[in-house]
Amino acid sequence: MSNIATDELKHQISQLLREYQQSRSEKVRNQLVELNFGLVRKEAYYWVNQCHESYEDLLQVGSIGLIKAIEKFELSLGNAFSSYAMPYIRGEIQHYLRDKSVTLKIPRHWLEIQQKAVAVCRSVSEEYHRQPTDQELAAALKISLSEWQEIKLALINRTPLSLDVPIKDGEEDSSCLGELVPDPKYRSFQLAQEDQILLQQALVKLEKLTREVVEYVFFHEFTQKEVAQLLNISVVTVSRRVKKGLELLKNIMDDG
């Protein structure tokens, strides 16, 4: 597509977004879905090679994410709609896969790399009392940073999210989501009904911005950069809110 055609398409999408924010017309929303459906196709094509679901099913699920992005997008924040929409589309597909299927197909050599990564993490933790950064892991595994991040993402979505998954807070230290749960014996993110209620009650007690950051990072699996773009704040602010939110949630749930 030429630059002129691309610019015209962006202008058309912006005009329709502005019109939709004013009218909330279903017809306009459907036009926006049609014009941006390529984003859904791109994400569905990526995931269809890693799961047992059909391409058509993933397209339908991704479309739900696209509609959510259209509903929530605000032109006044100055974000590019495509960058804004992709996390919603990706998150909707990932949540569907986690609910629908226990496992995603992982290449054998990726599993071998995972085993090596576990050994590296254990070694760094014992020597330096912290988890290695992605850059350190990639270097130790002798692969590119982008390849390691792709492997890590696939492994994270292979099974229901573990409470032992390291949570980077953007600084030197790190923590894990399991620290939010009073009972350290829990090994799965599929919490019992009681714990889900406790967590939801604790989230409500957080200040609005902190709660939104925590929910986007941990429940919608957005990167800190994506959250910063969505909420129109800096990545540093997101990092601080993540750390603050984790500490407050842990204190609230311990007291409860």
C-alpha atoms as a PDB file:
ATOM      1  CA  MET A   1       0.000   0.000   0.000  1.00  0.00           C
ATOM      2  CA  SER A   2       1.398   3.399  -0.983  1.00  0.00           C
ATOM      3  CA  ASN A   3       2.075   6.110   1.569  1.00  0.00           C
ATOM      4  CA  ILE A   4      -0.727   8.206   0.093  1.00  0.00           C
ATOM      5  CA  ALA A   5      -3.228   5.350   0.432  1.00  0.00           C
ATOM      6  CA  THR A   6      -2.016   4.658   3.966  1.00  0.00           C
ATOM      7  CA  ASP A   7      -2.430   8.288   4.963  1.00  0.00           C
ATOM      8  CA  GLU A   8      -5.899   8.361   3.433  1.00  0.00           C
ATOM      9  CA  LEU A   9      -6.866   5.228   5.359  1.00  0.00           C
ATOM     10  CA  LYS A  10      -5.572   6.693   8.638  1.00  0.00           C
ATOM     11  CA  HIS A  11      -7.511   9.888   7.972  1.00  0.00           C
ATOM     12  CA  GLN A  12     -10.677   7.914   7.216  1.00  0.00           C
ATOM     13  CA  ILE A  13     -10.276   5.891  10.428  1.00  0.00           C
ATOM     14  CA  SER A  14      -9.725   9.052  12.460  1.00  0.00           C
ATOM     15  CA  GLN A  15     -12.842  10.638  10.989  1.00  0.00           C
ATOM     16  CA  LEU A  16     -14.912   7.549  11.749  1.00  0.00           C
ATOM     17  CA  LEU A  17     -13.531   7.333  15.292  1.00  0.00           C
ATOM     18  CA  ARG A  18     -14.482  10.952  15.885  1.00  0.00           C
ATOM     19  CA  GLU A  19     -17.945  10.301  14.473  1.00  0.00           C
ATOM     20  CA  TYR A  20     -18.375   7.183  16.578  1.00  0.00           C
ATOM     21  CA  GLN A  21     -17.404   8.964  19.788  1.00  0.00           C
ATOM     22  CA  GLN A  22     -20.170  11.443  19.116  1.00  0.00           C
ATOM     23  CA  SER A  23     -22.901   9.140  17.794  1.00  0.00           C
ATOM     24  CA  ARG A  24     -22.080   5.656  19.101  1.00  0.00           C
ATOM     25  CA  SER A  25     -23.574   4.416  15.864  1.00  0.00           C
ATOM     26  CA  GLU A  26     -23.400   0.649  15.327  1.00  0.00           C
ATOM     27  CA  LYS A  27     -23.049   1.261  11.581  1.00  0.00           C
ATOM     28  CA  VAL A  28     -19.966   3.453  12.119  1.00  0.00           C
ATOM     29  CA  ARG A  29     -18.496   0.930  14.547  1.00  0.00           C
ATOM     30  CA  ASN A  30     -18.915  -1.839  11.959  1.00  0.00           C
ATOM     31  CA  GLN A  31     -17.120   0.330   9.398  1.00  0.00           C
ATOM     32  CA  LEU A  32     -14.235   0.743  11.833  1.00  0.00           C
ATOM     33  CA  VAL A  33     -14.095  -3.018  12.422  1.00  0.00           C
ATOM     34  CA  GLU A  34     -13.970  -3.638   8.675  1.00  0.00           C
ATOM     35  CA  LEU A  35     -11.217  -1.069   8.083  1.00  0.00           C
ATOM     36  CA  ASN A  36      -9.078  -2.391  10.955  1.00  0.00           C
ATOM     37  CA  PHE A  37      -9.758  -6.096  10.505  1.00  0.00           C
ATOM     38  CA  GLY A  38      -6.241  -6.605   9.182  1.00  0.00           C
ATOM     39  CA  LEU A  39      -4.989  -6.164  12.749  1.00  0.00           C
ATOM     40  CA  VAL A  40      -7.152  -9.097  13.834  1.00  0.00           C
ATOM     41  CA  ARG A  41      -5.990 -11.262  10.920  1.00  0.00           C
ATOM     42  CA  LYS A  42      -2.352 -10.562  11.747  1.00  0.00           C
ATOM     43  CA  GLU A  43      -2.713 -11.546  15.399  1.00  0.00           C
ATOM     44  CA  ALA A  44      -4.893 -14.589  14.670  1.00  0.00           C
ATOM     45  CA  TYR A  45      -2.369 -15.845  12.119  1.00  0.00           C
ATOM     46  CA  TYR A  46       0.381 -15.649  14.745  1.00  0.00           C
ATOM     47  CA  TRP A  47      -1.559 -17.663  17.336  1.00  0.00           C
ATOM     48  CA  VAL A  48      -3.088 -20.284  15.047  1.00  0.00           C
ATOM     49  CA  ASN A  49       0.366 -21.865  14.684  1.00  0.00           C
ATOM     50  CA  GLN A  50       0.669 -22.272  18.453  1.00  0.00           C
ATOM     51  CA  CYS A  51      -2.696 -23.716  19.446  1.00  0.00           C
ATOM     52  CA  HIS A  52      -5.393 -26.182  18.444  1.00  0.00           C
ATOM     53  CA  GLU A  53      -8.077 -23.576  17.717  1.00  0.00           C
ATOM     54  CA  SER A  54      -9.229 -22.747  14.200  1.00  0.00           C
ATOM     55  CA  TYR A  55      -8.220 -19.557  12.430  1.00  0.00           C
ATOM     56  CA  GLU A  56     -11.899 -18.574  12.090  1.00  0.00           C
ATOM     57  CA  ASP A  57     -12.490 -18.909  15.845  1.00  0.00           C
ATOM     58  CA  LEU A  58      -9.438 -16.774  16.598  1.00  0.00           C
ATOM     59  CA  LEU A  59     -10.692 -14.143  14.144  1.00  0.00           C
ATOM     60  CA  GLN A  60     -14.015 -13.972  15.973  1.00  0.00           C
ATOM     61  CA  VAL A  61     -12.347 -13.663  19.370  1.00  0.00           C
ATOM     62  CA  GLY A  62      -9.873 -11.074  18.103  1.00  0.00           C
ATOM     63  CA  SER A  63     -12.771  -9.065  16.701  1.00  0.00           C
ATOM     64  CA  ILE A  64     -14.174  -8.762  20.225  1.00  0.00           C
ATOM     65  CA  GLY A  65     -10.877  -7.198  21.293  1.00  0.00           C
ATOM     66  CA  LEU A  66     -11.003  -4.818  18.333  1.00  0.00           C
ATOM     67  CA  ILE A  67     -14.532  -3.721  19.261  1.00  0.00           C
ATOM     68  CA  LYS A  68     -13.442  -3.113  22.861  1.00  0.00           C
ATOM     69  CA  ALA A  69     -10.577  -0.953  21.581  1.00  0.00           C
ATOM     70  CA  ILE A  70     -12.989   1.056  19.413  1.00  0.00           C
ATOM     71  CA  GLU A  71     -15.298   1.542  22.395  1.00  0.00           C
ATOM     72  CA  LYS A  72     -12.519   2.798  24.686  1.00  0.00           C
ATOM     73  CA  PHE A  73     -10.305   4.758  22.286  1.00  0.00           C
ATOM     74  CA  GLU A  74      -9.999   8.494  22.873  1.00  0.00           C
ATOM     75  CA  LEU A  75      -8.748  10.678  20.030  1.00  0.00           C
ATOM     76  CA  SER A  76      -7.811  13.445  22.446  1.00  0.00           C
ATOM     77  CA  LEU A  77      -4.933  11.362  23.853  1.00  0.00           C
ATOM     78  CA  GLY A  78      -3.163  11.424  20.489  1.00  0.00           C
ATOM     79  CA  ASN A  79      -2.432   7.673  20.281  1.00  0.00           C
ATOM     80  CA  ALA A  80      -2.299   5.789  16.983  1.00  0.00           C
ATOM     81  CA  PHE A  81      -5.358   3.558  16.902  1.00  0.00           C
ATOM     82  CA  SER A  82      -3.503   0.519  15.550  1.00  0.00           C
ATOM     83  CA  SER A  83      -0.995   0.647  18.427  1.00  0.00           C
ATOM     84  CA  TYR A  84      -3.857   1.119  20.874  1.00  0.00           C
ATOM     85  CA  ALA A  85      -5.954  -1.731  19.491  1.00  0.00           C
ATOM     86  CA  MET A  86      -3.335  -4.481  19.222  1.00  0.00           C
ATOM     87  CA  PRO A  87      -3.052  -5.136  23.000  1.00  0.00           C
ATOM     88  CA  TYR A  88      -6.830  -5.513  23.209  1.00  0.00           C
ATOM     89  CA  ILE A  89      -6.905  -7.951  20.284  1.00  0.00           C
ATOM     90  CA  ARG A  90      -3.934  -9.920  21.607  1.00  0.00           C
ATOM     91  CA  GLY A  91      -5.278  -9.981  25.152  1.00  0.00           C
ATOM     92  CA  GLU A  92      -8.693 -11.244  24.053  1.00  0.00           C
ATOM     93  CA  ILE A  93      -7.133 -14.098  22.071  1.00  0.00           C
ATOM     94  CA  GLN A  94      -4.748 -15.019  24.887  1.00  0.00           C
ATOM     95  CA  HIS A  95      -7.533 -15.128  27.452  1.00  0.00           C
ATOM     96  CA  TYR A  96      -9.646 -17.243  25.131  1.00  0.00           C
ATOM     97  CA  LEU A  97      -6.815 -19.705  24.601  1.00  0.00           C
ATOM     98  CA  ARG A  98      -6.116 -19.930  28.320  1.00  0.00           C
ATOM     99  CA  ASP A  99      -9.776 -20.667  29.073  1.00  0.00           C
ATOM    100  CA  LYS A 100     -10.303 -22.942  26.095  1.00  0.00           C
ATOM    101  CA  SER A 101      -7.165 -25.029  26.065  1.00  0.00           C
ATOM    102  CA  VAL A 102      -4.771 -26.229  28.731  1.00  0.00           C
ATOM    103  CA  THR A 103      -1.740 -26.168  26.507  1.00  0.00           C
ATOM    104  CA  LEU A 104      -0.358 -24.444  23.430  1.00  0.00           C
ATOM    105  CA  LYS A 105       1.975 -26.218  21.067  1.00  0.00           C
ATOM    106  CA  ILE A 106       5.582 -25.361  21.903  1.00  0.00           C
ATOM    107  CA  PRO A 107       8.500 -26.312  19.604  1.00  0.00           C
ATOM    108  CA  ARG A 108      10.799 -28.897  21.177  1.00  0.00           C
ATOM    109  CA  HIS A 109      13.901 -26.704  20.937  1.00  0.00           C
ATOM    110  CA  TRP A 110      12.040 -23.934  22.776  1.00  0.00           C
ATOM    111  CA  LEU A 111      11.386 -26.355  25.638  1.00  0.00           C
ATOM    112  CA  GLU A 112      15.082 -27.183  25.704  1.00  0.00           C
ATOM    113  CA  ILE A 113      15.883 -23.465  25.890  1.00  0.00           C
ATOM    114  CA  GLN A 114      13.375 -23.135  28.727  1.00  0.00           C
ATOM    115  CA  GLN A 115      15.204 -25.808  30.733  1.00  0.00           C
ATOM    116  CA  LYS A 116      18.481 -23.961  30.225  1.00  0.00           C
ATOM    117  CA  ALA A 117      16.803 -20.695  31.231  1.00  0.00           C
ATOM    118  CA  VAL A 118      15.605 -22.258  34.484  1.00  0.00           C
ATOM    119  CA  ALA A 119      19.185 -23.272  35.284  1.00  0.00           C
ATOM    120  CA  VAL A 120      20.437 -19.762  34.509  1.00  0.00           C
ATOM    121  CA  CYS A 121      17.739 -18.217  36.720  1.00  0.00           C
ATOM    122  CA  ARG A 122      18.643 -20.519  39.576  1.00  0.00           C
ATOM    123  CA  SER A 123      22.348 -19.739  39.238  1.00  0.00           C
ATOM    124  CA  VAL A 124      21.835 -15.955  39.140  1.00  0.00           C
ATOM    125  CA  SER A 125      19.391 -16.104  42.039  1.00  0.00           C
ATOM    126  CA  GLU A 126      21.824 -18.068  44.209  1.00  0.00           C
ATOM    127  CA  GLU A 127      24.770 -15.823  43.393  1.00  0.00           C
ATOM    128  CA  TYR A 128      23.180 -12.368  43.213  1.00  0.00           C
ATOM    129  CA  HIS A 129      19.875 -12.908  45.093  1.00  0.00           C
ATOM    130  CA  ARG A 130      17.764 -11.642  42.191  1.00  0.00           C
ATOM    131  CA  GLN A 131      16.263 -12.831  38.929  1.00  0.00           C
ATOM    132  CA  PRO A 132      18.229 -12.220  35.703  1.00  0.00           C
ATOM    133  CA  THR A 133      16.988  -9.638  33.225  1.00  0.00           C
ATOM    134  CA  ASP A 134      15.769 -10.687  29.795  1.00  0.00           C
ATOM    135  CA  GLN A 135      18.992  -9.298  28.311  1.00  0.00           C
ATOM    136  CA  GLU A 136      21.105 -11.416  30.689  1.00  0.00           C
ATOM    137  CA  LEU A 137      19.085 -14.534  29.927  1.00  0.00           C
ATOM    138  CA  ALA A 138      19.308 -14.031  26.180  1.00  0.00           C
ATOM    139  CA  ALA A 139      23.072 -13.554  26.430  1.00  0.00           C
ATOM    140  CA  ALA A 140      23.510 -16.649  28.603  1.00  0.00           C
ATOM    141  CA  LEU A 141      21.353 -18.721  26.249  1.00  0.00           C
ATOM    142  CA  LYS A 142      23.209 -17.330  23.205  1.00  0.00           C
ATOM    143  CA  ILE A 143      20.045 -16.195  21.453  1.00  0.00           C
ATOM    144  CA  SER A 144      18.691 -12.769  20.529  1.00  0.00           C
ATOM    145  CA  LEU A 145      16.639 -10.777  22.996  1.00  0.00           C
ATOM    146  CA  SER A 146      13.623 -10.798  20.647  1.00  0.00           C
ATOM    147  CA  GLU A 147      13.794 -14.598  20.295  1.00  0.00           C
ATOM    148  CA  TRP A 148      13.910 -15.079  24.074  1.00  0.00           C
ATOM    149  CA  GLN A 149      10.931 -12.741  24.570  1.00  0.00           C
ATOM    150  CA  GLU A 150       8.958 -14.660  21.953  1.00  0.00           C
ATOM    151  CA  ILE A 151       9.801 -17.971  23.652  1.00  0.00           C
ATOM    152  CA  LYS A 152       8.903 -16.563  27.062  1.00  0.00           C
ATOM    153  CA  LEU A 153       5.544 -15.279  25.800  1.00  0.00           C
ATOM    154  CA  ALA A 154       4.697 -18.677  24.301  1.00  0.00           C
ATOM    155  CA  LEU A 155       5.676 -20.482  27.501  1.00  0.00           C
ATOM    156  CA  ILE A 156       3.664 -18.084  29.663  1.00  0.00           C
ATOM    157  CA  ASN A 157       0.574 -18.786  27.563  1.00  0.00           C
ATOM    158  CA  ARG A 158       1.161 -22.539  27.399  1.00  0.00           C
ATOM    159  CA  THR A 159      -0.566 -23.130  30.736  1.00  0.00           C
ATOM    160  CA  PRO A 160      -2.717 -21.087  33.116  1.00  0.00           C
ATOM    161  CA  LEU A 161      -0.620 -18.262  34.545  1.00  0.00           C
ATOM    162  CA  SER A 162       1.485 -19.462  37.478  1.00  0.00           C
ATOM    163  CA  LEU A 163       1.764 -17.464  40.654  1.00  0.00           C
ATOM    164  CA  ASP A 164       5.520 -18.120  40.488  1.00  0.00           C
ATOM    165  CA  VAL A 165       5.994 -16.082  37.290  1.00  0.00           C
ATOM    166  CA  PRO A 166       8.573 -13.339  38.006  1.00  0.00           C
ATOM    167  CA  ILE A 167       7.119  -9.824  37.901  1.00  0.00           C
ATOM    168  CA  LYS A 168       9.621  -7.187  36.774  1.00  0.00           C
ATOM    169  CA  ASP A 169       8.999  -3.808  38.359  1.00  0.00           C
ATOM    170  CA  GLY A 170      11.441  -1.925  36.141  1.00  0.00           C
ATOM    171  CA  GLU A 171      14.094  -1.618  38.816  1.00  0.00           C
ATOM    172  CA  GLU A 172      16.837  -3.876  40.167  1.00  0.00           C
ATOM    173  CA  ASP A 173      14.597  -6.169  42.155  1.00  0.00           C
ATOM    174  CA  SER A 174      11.674  -8.326  41.131  1.00  0.00           C
ATOM    175  CA  SER A 175       8.800 -10.118  42.788  1.00  0.00           C
ATOM    176  CA  CYS A 176       6.198 -12.680  41.825  1.00  0.00           C
ATOM    177  CA  LEU A 177       2.422 -12.574  41.693  1.00  0.00           C
ATOM    178  CA  GLY A 178       2.303 -15.390  44.244  1.00  0.00           C
ATOM    179  CA  GLU A 179       3.384 -12.954  46.932  1.00  0.00           C
ATOM    180  CA  LEU A 180      -0.085 -11.428  46.726  1.00  0.00           C
ATOM    181  CA  VAL A 181      -1.691 -14.628  47.968  1.00  0.00           C
ATOM    182  CA  PRO A 182      -1.453 -15.227  51.744  1.00  0.00           C
ATOM    183  CA  ASP A 183      -1.054 -19.016  51.358  1.00  0.00           C
ATOM    184  CA  PRO A 184       2.363 -19.703  49.725  1.00  0.00           C
ATOM    185  CA  LYS A 185       1.330 -23.259  48.829  1.00  0.00           C
ATOM    186  CA  TYR A 186      -0.776 -22.103  45.879  1.00  0.00           C
ATOM    187  CA  ARG A 187       0.965 -23.148  42.657  1.00  0.00           C
ATOM    188  CA  SER A 188      -1.596 -22.062  40.067  1.00  0.00           C
ATOM    189  CA  PHE A 189      -3.211 -18.834  39.013  1.00  0.00           C
ATOM    190  CA  GLN A 190      -6.536 -20.648  38.884  1.00  0.00           C
ATOM    191  CA  LEU A 191      -7.387 -19.418  42.352  1.00  0.00           C
ATOM    192  CA  ALA A 192     -10.172 -20.847  44.449  1.00  0.00           C
ATOM    193  CA  GLN A 193     -13.402 -18.884  44.419  1.00  0.00           C
ATOM    194  CA  GLU A 194     -12.680 -17.411  47.838  1.00  0.00           C
ATOM    195  CA  ASP A 195      -9.278 -16.064  46.805  1.00  0.00           C
ATOM    196  CA  GLN A 196     -10.703 -14.536  43.628  1.00  0.00           C
ATOM    197  CA  ILE A 197     -13.224 -12.654  45.721  1.00  0.00           C
ATOM    198  CA  LEU A 198     -10.528 -11.483  48.151  1.00  0.00           C
ATOM    199  CA  LEU A 199      -8.354 -10.253  45.297  1.00  0.00           C
ATOM    200  CA  GLN A 200     -11.224  -8.375  43.657  1.00  0.00           C
ATOM    201  CA  GLN A 201     -12.126  -6.768  46.986  1.00  0.00           C
ATOM    202  CA  ALA A 202      -8.513  -5.719  47.479  1.00  0.00           C
ATOM    203  CA  LEU A 203      -8.302  -4.235  43.973  1.00  0.00           C
ATOM    204  CA  VAL A 204     -11.336  -2.050  44.612  1.00  0.00           C
ATOM    205  CA  LYS A 205      -9.495  -0.442  47.517  1.00  0.00           C
ATOM    206  CA  LEU A 206      -6.651   0.786  45.307  1.00  0.00           C
ATOM    207  CA  GLU A 207      -6.527   4.316  43.940  1.00  0.00           C
ATOM    208  CA  LYS A 208      -8.017   4.401  40.398  1.00  0.00           C
ATOM    209  CA  LEU A 209      -4.804   4.862  38.396  1.00  0.00           C
ATOM    210  CA  THR A 210      -2.892   2.259  40.416  1.00  0.00           C
ATOM    211  CA  ARG A 211      -5.752  -0.225  40.025  1.00  0.00           C
ATOM    212  CA  GLU A 212      -5.919   0.323  36.268  1.00  0.00           C
ATOM    213  CA  VAL A 213      -2.175  -0.176  35.884  1.00  0.00           C
ATOM    214  CA  VAL A 214      -2.225  -3.395  37.935  1.00  0.00           C
ATOM    215  CA  GLU A 215      -5.199  -4.768  36.001  1.00  0.00           C
ATOM    216  CA  TYR A 216      -3.688  -3.966  32.601  1.00  0.00           C
ATOM    217  CA  VAL A 217      -0.308  -5.493  33.487  1.00  0.00           C
ATOM    218  CA  PHE A 218      -1.416  -8.642  35.315  1.00  0.00           C
ATOM    219  CA  PHE A 219      -4.910  -9.427  34.050  1.00  0.00           C
ATOM    220  CA  HIS A 220      -4.705  -8.152  30.459  1.00  0.00           C
ATOM    221  CA  GLU A 221      -0.967  -8.886  30.076  1.00  0.00           C
ATOM    222  CA  PHE A 222      -0.073  -5.536  28.532  1.00  0.00           C
ATOM    223  CA  THR A 223       3.567  -4.492  28.616  1.00  0.00           C
ATOM    224  CA  GLN A 224       4.445  -1.482  30.740  1.00  0.00           C
ATOM    225  CA  LYS A 225       5.052   0.494  27.545  1.00  0.00           C
ATOM    226  CA  GLU A 226       1.599  -0.409  26.220  1.00  0.00           C
ATOM    227  CA  VAL A 227      -0.010   0.584  29.529  1.00  0.00           C
ATOM    228  CA  ALA A 228       1.825   3.910  29.443  1.00  0.00           C
ATOM    229  CA  GLN A 229       0.426   4.590  25.957  1.00  0.00           C
ATOM    230  CA  LEU A 230      -3.087   3.530  26.925  1.00  0.00           C
ATOM    231  CA  LEU A 231      -3.213   5.712  30.045  1.00  0.00           C
ATOM    232  CA  ASN A 232      -1.115   8.557  28.600  1.00  0.00           C
ATOM    233  CA  ILE A 233       1.494   8.366  31.381  1.00  0.00           C
ATOM    234  CA  SER A 234       5.217   7.623  31.426  1.00  0.00           C
ATOM    235  CA  VAL A 235       6.696   4.120  31.626  1.00  0.00           C
ATOM    236  CA  VAL A 236       8.418   5.190  34.850  1.00  0.00           C
ATOM    237  CA  THR A 237       5.023   6.057  36.340  1.00  0.00           C
ATOM    238  CA  VAL A 238       3.667   2.662  35.283  1.00  0.00           C
ATOM    239  CA  SER A 239       6.633   0.925  36.924  1.00  0.00           C
ATOM    240  CA  ARG A 240       6.144   2.828  40.165  1.00  0.00           C
ATOM    241  CA  ARG A 241       2.401   2.149  40.185  1.00  0.00           C
ATOM    242  CA  VAL A 242       3.020  -1.572  39.625  1.00  0.00           C
ATOM    243  CA  LYS A 243       5.362  -1.732  42.600  1.00  0.00           C
ATOM    244  CA  LYS A 244       3.040   0.354  44.749  1.00  0.00           C
ATOM    245  CA  GLY A 245       0.012  -1.694  43.747  1.00  0.00           C
ATOM    246  CA  LEU A 246       1.701  -5.006  44.548  1.00  0.00           C
ATOM    247  CA  GLU A 247       2.741  -3.778  47.966  1.00  0.00           C
ATOM    248  CA  LEU A 248      -0.726  -2.422  48.772  1.00  0.00           C
ATOM    249  CA  LEU A 249      -2.488  -5.576  47.577  1.00  0.00           C
ATOM    250  CA  LYS A 250      -0.189  -7.766  49.642  1.00  0.00           C
ATOM    251  CA  ASN A 251      -0.819  -5.650  52.752  1.00  0.00           C
ATOM    252  CA  ILE A 252      -4.592  -5.566  52.202  1.00  0.00           C
ATOM    253  CA  MET A 253      -4.821  -9.335  51.653  1.00  0.00           C
ATOM    254  CA  ASP A 254      -2.529 -10.123  54.591  1.00  0.00           C
ATOM    255  CA  ASP A 255      -4.690  -7.961  56.868  1.00  0.00           C
ATOM    256  CA  GLY A 256      -7.826  -9.609  55.544  1.00  0.00           C
END
